[in-house]
N, C-alpha and C. Protein backbone atom coordinates (compact mmCIF):
# COMPACT_ATOMS: atom_id res chain seq x y z
N MET A 1 31.87 -60.81 -36.47
CA MET A 1 31.98 -60.82 -37.91
C MET A 1 31.02 -61.90 -38.46
N VAL A 2 30.30 -61.58 -39.49
CA VAL A 2 29.33 -62.48 -40.08
C VAL A 2 30.04 -63.45 -41.02
N ARG A 3 29.78 -64.74 -40.82
CA ARG A 3 30.36 -65.79 -41.65
C ARG A 3 29.25 -66.76 -42.07
N PRO A 4 29.38 -67.39 -43.23
CA PRO A 4 28.42 -68.41 -43.63
C PRO A 4 28.45 -69.60 -42.67
N ASP A 5 27.28 -70.09 -42.28
CA ASP A 5 27.16 -71.23 -41.37
C ASP A 5 27.04 -72.50 -42.20
N MET A 6 28.17 -73.01 -42.67
CA MET A 6 28.18 -74.16 -43.56
C MET A 6 27.76 -75.44 -42.85
N GLU A 7 28.10 -75.57 -41.57
CA GLU A 7 27.74 -76.77 -40.81
C GLU A 7 26.22 -76.96 -40.77
N LYS A 8 25.50 -75.88 -40.64
CA LYS A 8 24.04 -75.94 -40.58
C LYS A 8 23.46 -76.60 -41.82
N TRP A 9 24.12 -76.40 -42.97
CA TRP A 9 23.61 -76.91 -44.24
C TRP A 9 24.42 -78.10 -44.75
N GLY A 10 25.32 -78.63 -43.93
CA GLY A 10 26.09 -79.81 -44.31
C GLY A 10 27.02 -79.56 -45.48
N GLN A 11 27.58 -78.36 -45.56
CA GLN A 11 28.49 -78.02 -46.65
C GLN A 11 29.89 -77.77 -46.12
N THR A 12 30.84 -77.84 -47.04
CA THR A 12 32.24 -77.56 -46.73
C THR A 12 32.70 -76.38 -47.59
N LEU A 13 33.91 -75.94 -47.32
CA LEU A 13 34.50 -74.89 -48.17
C LEU A 13 34.59 -75.37 -49.61
N ALA A 14 34.92 -76.63 -49.78
CA ALA A 14 35.03 -77.19 -51.14
C ALA A 14 33.69 -77.13 -51.86
N ASP A 15 32.58 -77.36 -51.15
CA ASP A 15 31.26 -77.27 -51.77
C ASP A 15 30.97 -75.85 -52.27
N LEU A 16 31.31 -74.86 -51.45
CA LEU A 16 31.09 -73.47 -51.86
C LEU A 16 31.97 -73.13 -53.05
N ARG A 17 33.19 -73.63 -53.05
CA ARG A 17 34.11 -73.36 -54.17
C ARG A 17 33.57 -73.96 -55.46
N VAL A 18 33.06 -75.19 -55.39
CA VAL A 18 32.50 -75.84 -56.58
C VAL A 18 31.31 -75.03 -57.10
N LEU A 19 30.44 -74.59 -56.20
CA LEU A 19 29.28 -73.79 -56.63
C LEU A 19 29.73 -72.46 -57.24
N SER A 20 30.83 -71.90 -56.73
CA SER A 20 31.30 -70.62 -57.26
C SER A 20 31.88 -70.76 -58.67
N VAL A 21 32.19 -71.98 -59.07
CA VAL A 21 32.75 -72.23 -60.39
C VAL A 21 31.71 -72.83 -61.34
N GLU A 22 30.84 -73.69 -60.80
CA GLU A 22 29.96 -74.47 -61.66
C GLU A 22 28.50 -74.01 -61.69
N ALA A 23 28.12 -73.03 -60.89
CA ALA A 23 26.73 -72.56 -60.92
C ALA A 23 26.39 -72.07 -62.32
N LYS A 24 25.16 -72.29 -62.73
CA LYS A 24 24.72 -72.00 -64.10
C LYS A 24 24.82 -70.52 -64.45
N ASP A 25 24.47 -69.67 -63.53
CA ASP A 25 24.37 -68.23 -63.79
C ASP A 25 25.56 -67.48 -63.19
N ALA A 26 26.05 -66.46 -63.88
CA ALA A 26 27.18 -65.67 -63.39
C ALA A 26 26.88 -64.99 -62.06
N ARG A 27 25.64 -64.58 -61.87
CA ARG A 27 25.28 -63.93 -60.60
C ARG A 27 25.34 -64.92 -59.44
N SER A 28 24.93 -66.14 -59.69
CA SER A 28 25.03 -67.18 -58.65
C SER A 28 26.49 -67.47 -58.34
N ARG A 29 27.31 -67.57 -59.38
CA ARG A 29 28.74 -67.83 -59.17
C ARG A 29 29.36 -66.71 -58.33
N GLU A 30 28.99 -65.47 -58.60
CA GLU A 30 29.50 -64.33 -57.83
C GLU A 30 29.12 -64.46 -56.36
N ARG A 31 27.90 -64.84 -56.09
CA ARG A 31 27.41 -64.96 -54.71
C ARG A 31 28.13 -66.07 -53.97
N PHE A 32 28.30 -67.23 -54.62
CA PHE A 32 28.97 -68.34 -53.96
C PHE A 32 30.46 -68.08 -53.78
N LEU A 33 31.06 -67.33 -54.70
CA LEU A 33 32.46 -66.95 -54.50
C LEU A 33 32.59 -66.04 -53.29
N ALA A 34 31.66 -65.12 -53.13
CA ALA A 34 31.67 -64.25 -51.95
C ALA A 34 31.55 -65.08 -50.67
N LEU A 35 30.62 -66.03 -50.65
CA LEU A 35 30.47 -66.89 -49.48
C LEU A 35 31.74 -67.68 -49.20
N TYR A 36 32.34 -68.20 -50.27
CA TYR A 36 33.58 -68.96 -50.12
C TYR A 36 34.70 -68.09 -49.53
N MET A 37 34.89 -66.92 -50.09
CA MET A 37 35.97 -66.04 -49.62
C MET A 37 35.76 -65.62 -48.17
N ILE A 38 34.52 -65.36 -47.81
CA ILE A 38 34.22 -64.95 -46.43
C ILE A 38 34.36 -66.12 -45.48
N ALA A 39 33.84 -67.29 -45.87
CA ALA A 39 33.93 -68.48 -45.02
C ALA A 39 35.37 -68.93 -44.84
N ASN A 40 36.18 -68.76 -45.86
CA ASN A 40 37.59 -69.15 -45.83
C ASN A 40 38.44 -68.15 -45.05
N LYS A 41 37.81 -67.11 -44.56
CA LYS A 41 38.47 -66.05 -43.77
C LYS A 41 39.56 -65.33 -44.55
N GLN A 42 39.41 -65.33 -45.89
CA GLN A 42 40.35 -64.58 -46.72
C GLN A 42 39.99 -63.10 -46.74
N THR A 43 38.73 -62.79 -46.41
CA THR A 43 38.26 -61.41 -46.43
C THR A 43 37.00 -61.31 -45.59
N SER A 44 36.57 -60.08 -45.36
CA SER A 44 35.29 -59.85 -44.68
C SER A 44 34.24 -59.49 -45.73
N ALA A 45 32.99 -59.51 -45.32
CA ALA A 45 31.91 -59.17 -46.25
C ALA A 45 32.07 -57.73 -46.76
N CYS A 46 32.44 -56.83 -45.88
CA CYS A 46 32.59 -55.42 -46.28
C CYS A 46 33.76 -55.24 -47.24
N ALA A 47 34.88 -55.89 -46.95
CA ALA A 47 36.05 -55.77 -47.82
C ALA A 47 35.77 -56.41 -49.18
N TRP A 48 35.09 -57.55 -49.19
CA TRP A 48 34.77 -58.22 -50.45
C TRP A 48 33.80 -57.37 -51.27
N ALA A 49 32.85 -56.74 -50.61
CA ALA A 49 31.91 -55.87 -51.32
C ALA A 49 32.65 -54.74 -52.03
N ARG A 50 33.59 -54.12 -51.36
CA ARG A 50 34.39 -53.07 -51.98
C ARG A 50 35.16 -53.61 -53.18
N GLU A 51 35.73 -54.81 -53.04
CA GLU A 51 36.55 -55.38 -54.10
C GLU A 51 35.74 -55.69 -55.36
N ILE A 52 34.49 -56.13 -55.21
CA ILE A 52 33.69 -56.50 -56.37
C ILE A 52 32.72 -55.41 -56.81
N GLY A 53 32.74 -54.27 -56.14
CA GLY A 53 31.89 -53.16 -56.55
C GLY A 53 30.43 -53.30 -56.15
N ARG A 54 30.18 -53.99 -55.07
CA ARG A 54 28.83 -54.14 -54.52
C ARG A 54 28.76 -53.39 -53.21
N THR A 55 27.53 -53.13 -52.75
CA THR A 55 27.40 -52.52 -51.43
C THR A 55 27.58 -53.59 -50.36
N LYS A 56 28.01 -53.16 -49.19
CA LYS A 56 28.21 -54.13 -48.11
C LYS A 56 26.87 -54.77 -47.72
N GLU A 57 25.77 -54.03 -47.86
CA GLU A 57 24.45 -54.57 -47.54
C GLU A 57 24.09 -55.74 -48.46
N THR A 58 24.47 -55.61 -49.73
CA THR A 58 24.18 -56.68 -50.69
C THR A 58 24.91 -57.96 -50.31
N VAL A 59 26.20 -57.86 -50.04
CA VAL A 59 26.99 -59.04 -49.70
C VAL A 59 26.54 -59.61 -48.36
N LEU A 60 26.28 -58.75 -47.39
CA LEU A 60 25.78 -59.23 -46.10
C LEU A 60 24.43 -59.93 -46.26
N ASN A 61 23.60 -59.43 -47.17
CA ASN A 61 22.32 -60.06 -47.44
C ASN A 61 22.50 -61.48 -47.97
N TRP A 62 23.50 -61.68 -48.85
CA TRP A 62 23.78 -63.02 -49.36
C TRP A 62 24.14 -63.97 -48.21
N VAL A 63 24.99 -63.49 -47.29
CA VAL A 63 25.42 -64.32 -46.16
C VAL A 63 24.22 -64.63 -45.25
N HIS A 64 23.42 -63.62 -44.95
CA HIS A 64 22.26 -63.83 -44.08
C HIS A 64 21.25 -64.78 -44.72
N ARG A 65 21.01 -64.62 -46.02
CA ARG A 65 20.09 -65.53 -46.72
C ARG A 65 20.59 -66.96 -46.69
N TYR A 66 21.88 -67.12 -46.93
CA TYR A 66 22.49 -68.45 -46.87
C TYR A 66 22.31 -69.04 -45.46
N ASN A 67 22.63 -68.27 -44.45
CA ASN A 67 22.54 -68.76 -43.07
C ASN A 67 21.11 -69.11 -42.67
N GLN A 68 20.16 -68.34 -43.13
CA GLN A 68 18.77 -68.56 -42.73
C GLN A 68 18.06 -69.63 -43.56
N PHE A 69 18.29 -69.63 -44.88
CA PHE A 69 17.51 -70.49 -45.77
C PHE A 69 18.32 -71.54 -46.53
N GLY A 70 19.64 -71.46 -46.46
CA GLY A 70 20.48 -72.45 -47.13
C GLY A 70 20.95 -72.04 -48.51
N PRO A 71 21.73 -72.90 -49.15
CA PRO A 71 22.33 -72.56 -50.44
C PRO A 71 21.32 -72.29 -51.55
N LYS A 72 20.17 -72.93 -51.52
CA LYS A 72 19.18 -72.71 -52.58
C LYS A 72 18.69 -71.26 -52.61
N ALA A 73 18.75 -70.58 -51.47
CA ALA A 73 18.28 -69.19 -51.40
C ALA A 73 19.27 -68.21 -52.01
N VAL A 74 20.48 -68.66 -52.29
CA VAL A 74 21.51 -67.77 -52.83
C VAL A 74 21.53 -67.78 -54.35
N PHE A 75 21.02 -68.84 -54.96
CA PHE A 75 21.00 -68.90 -56.42
C PHE A 75 20.18 -67.75 -56.99
N TYR A 76 20.68 -67.18 -58.08
CA TYR A 76 19.97 -66.09 -58.76
C TYR A 76 18.71 -66.61 -59.43
N ARG A 77 17.63 -65.85 -59.29
CA ARG A 77 16.38 -66.15 -59.99
C ARG A 77 15.92 -64.91 -60.70
N HIS A 78 15.67 -65.03 -61.99
CA HIS A 78 15.15 -63.90 -62.76
C HIS A 78 13.74 -63.62 -62.28
N THR A 79 13.48 -62.38 -61.88
CA THR A 79 12.18 -62.04 -61.31
C THR A 79 11.36 -61.13 -62.20
N GLY A 80 11.70 -61.04 -63.43
CA GLY A 80 10.92 -60.19 -64.33
C GLY A 80 11.75 -59.04 -64.84
N GLY A 81 11.27 -57.87 -64.60
CA GLY A 81 11.97 -56.70 -65.09
C GLY A 81 11.21 -56.08 -66.25
N ARG A 82 11.79 -55.08 -66.81
CA ARG A 82 11.15 -54.38 -67.92
C ARG A 82 11.22 -55.21 -69.19
N ARG A 83 10.24 -55.01 -70.04
CA ARG A 83 10.24 -55.66 -71.33
C ARG A 83 11.27 -54.96 -72.22
N PRO A 84 11.87 -55.70 -73.13
CA PRO A 84 12.82 -55.07 -74.05
C PRO A 84 12.14 -53.97 -74.87
N PHE A 85 12.88 -52.90 -75.12
CA PHE A 85 12.34 -51.77 -75.87
C PHE A 85 11.93 -52.18 -77.28
N LEU A 86 12.75 -52.96 -77.93
CA LEU A 86 12.47 -53.40 -79.29
C LEU A 86 12.18 -54.90 -79.31
N ALA A 87 11.15 -55.30 -78.61
CA ALA A 87 10.79 -56.72 -78.57
C ALA A 87 10.19 -57.15 -79.89
N ARG A 88 10.54 -58.35 -80.32
CA ARG A 88 9.95 -58.90 -81.54
C ARG A 88 8.51 -59.31 -81.25
N SER A 89 7.66 -59.10 -82.22
CA SER A 89 6.27 -59.54 -82.06
C SER A 89 6.20 -61.02 -82.43
N ARG A 90 5.21 -61.71 -81.89
CA ARG A 90 5.05 -63.14 -82.17
C ARG A 90 4.69 -63.38 -83.63
N SER A 91 3.95 -62.47 -84.24
CA SER A 91 3.53 -62.69 -85.62
C SER A 91 4.70 -62.66 -86.58
N SER A 92 5.75 -61.88 -86.28
CA SER A 92 6.89 -61.82 -87.18
C SER A 92 7.74 -63.09 -87.08
N ASN A 93 7.64 -63.81 -85.96
CA ASN A 93 8.39 -65.05 -85.81
C ASN A 93 7.70 -66.23 -86.50
N SER A 94 6.39 -66.18 -86.66
CA SER A 94 5.66 -67.33 -87.21
C SER A 94 5.62 -67.35 -88.72
N SER A 95 5.96 -66.24 -89.37
CA SER A 95 5.93 -66.21 -90.84
C SER A 95 7.28 -66.66 -91.38
N ALA A 96 7.26 -67.74 -92.12
CA ALA A 96 8.54 -68.22 -92.67
C ALA A 96 8.34 -68.82 -94.04
């Protein structure tokens, strides 16, 4: 069974719990809560994925990323995406 390797990164269950509550972004909080629940042996990655409506691959990816690269790799980063359909133009913002 895949579990977060907290010792490798000098973290405790309490550290994961704090990150699951205090992380800036909701997506980061979701990821750290998953790590906490799995590390605390309250659930497995597959069971937690079902409970939160994610695929098991997604949750397992969070655990593997944490184990390989540490907690910084689990934080959500906005990577772009589509532009808003009705984006405001810069010229309309400068006229006042």
